Amino acid sequence: MHKLVLWIVNVIFSLSEGVRYDGAVTLDAFNVMGQKVAELVNAPLAAGSHTVSFDASALPSGVYIYRLAADGQMVQRKMMLLK
């Protein structure tokens, strides 16, 4: 994984991810209680950059965590949703 870039526009999140190798990728969003609130990607992806949109309009404002697993690595980061 190269990097994740998080863009927040109202309640639509756009996550840009870089994957070094072809393979299985998962990208999930969780609330602070650890409950999965969205499965954004669960598929094999080719190496390169990919963008995923996340419509969070049904979620309340607050802190969420997104977790990306690819290339045998896992990255977890916080994101803030403000409405």
Protein backbone atom coordinates (compact mmCIF):
# COMPACT_ATOMS: atom_id res chain seq x y z
CA MET A 1 0.00 0.00 0.00
CA HIS A 2 1.33 3.38 -0.87
CA LYS A 3 -1.02 5.82 0.80
CA LEU A 4 -4.63 6.66 1.53
CA VAL A 5 -6.07 10.06 0.83
CA LEU A 6 -9.39 10.93 2.46
CA TRP A 7 -11.57 13.62 0.91
CA ILE A 8 -14.70 14.68 2.79
CA VAL A 9 -17.37 16.57 0.89
CA ASN A 10 -20.59 16.91 2.90
CA VAL A 11 -21.38 13.28 3.65
CA ILE A 12 -19.74 11.68 0.62
CA PHE A 13 -16.28 10.33 1.37
CA SER A 14 -13.88 9.64 -1.46
CA LEU A 15 -11.00 7.38 -0.50
CA SER A 16 -8.10 7.15 -2.92
CA GLU A 17 -5.96 4.12 -2.35
CA GLY A 18 -2.77 2.89 -3.91
CA VAL A 19 -2.19 -0.86 -4.18
CA ARG A 20 1.27 -2.14 -5.11
CA TYR A 21 0.27 -5.63 -6.23
CA ASP A 22 -2.75 -7.33 -7.78
CA GLY A 23 -4.75 -9.06 -5.08
CA ALA A 24 -7.57 -9.09 -2.57
CA VAL A 25 -8.45 -5.74 -1.00
CA THR A 26 -10.89 -4.96 1.79
CA LEU A 27 -11.91 -1.50 2.91
CA ASP A 28 -14.39 -1.21 5.78
CA ALA A 29 -15.73 1.61 7.97
CA PHE A 30 -16.44 1.18 11.69
CA ASN A 31 -17.98 3.33 14.42
CA VAL A 32 -16.03 3.95 17.63
CA MET A 33 -17.78 0.98 19.26
CA GLY A 34 -16.12 -1.30 16.69
CA GLN A 35 -19.31 -2.04 14.76
CA LYS A 36 -18.90 -2.25 11.00
CA VAL A 37 -21.07 0.45 9.42
CA ALA A 38 -20.03 -0.08 5.79
CA GLU A 39 -18.15 -2.51 3.59
CA LEU A 40 -16.69 -0.36 0.86
CA VAL A 41 -14.47 -2.84 -0.97
CA ASN A 42 -14.16 -6.60 -0.76
CA ALA A 43 -12.75 -7.66 -4.11
CA PRO A 44 -9.57 -8.36 -5.99
CA LEU A 45 -8.05 -5.18 -7.43
CA ALA A 46 -5.28 -4.63 -9.92
CA ALA A 47 -2.16 -2.78 -8.83
CA GLY A 48 -2.48 0.98 -9.06
CA SER A 49 -4.68 3.75 -7.72
CA HIS A 50 -8.37 3.29 -7.03
CA THR A 51 -11.05 5.64 -5.74
CA VAL A 52 -14.00 4.51 -3.62
CA SER A 53 -16.98 6.69 -2.69
CA PHE A 54 -18.72 6.31 0.65
CA ASP A 55 -22.20 7.79 1.10
CA ALA A 56 -22.40 8.39 4.85
CA SER A 57 -25.68 10.32 4.73
CA ALA A 58 -27.44 7.70 6.91
CA LEU A 59 -24.78 7.92 9.65
CA PRO A 60 -24.75 10.43 12.50
CA SER A 61 -21.93 12.92 12.93
CA GLY A 62 -18.98 11.52 14.82
CA VAL A 63 -15.66 9.73 14.65
CA TYR A 64 -15.34 6.68 12.43
CA ILE A 65 -12.46 4.37 11.58
CA TYR A 66 -11.66 3.01 8.16
CA ARG A 67 -9.53 -0.08 7.71
CA LEU A 68 -7.76 -1.03 4.49
CA ALA A 69 -6.22 -4.48 4.08
CA ALA A 70 -4.10 -5.20 0.99
CA ASP A 71 -0.66 -6.47 0.06
CA GLY A 72 -0.56 -8.47 3.32
CA GLN A 73 -0.75 -5.23 5.31
CA MET A 74 -3.49 -3.42 7.21
CA VAL A 75 -3.88 0.32 7.73
CA GLN A 76 -6.43 1.81 10.10
CA ARG A 77 -7.19 5.54 10.36
CA LYS A 78 -9.76 7.82 12.00
CA MET A 79 -12.10 10.08 10.07
CA MET A 80 -14.51 12.72 11.33
CA LEU A 81 -18.00 13.04 9.90
CA LEU A 82 -19.60 16.44 10.42
CA LYS A 83 -23.04 17.25 9.08
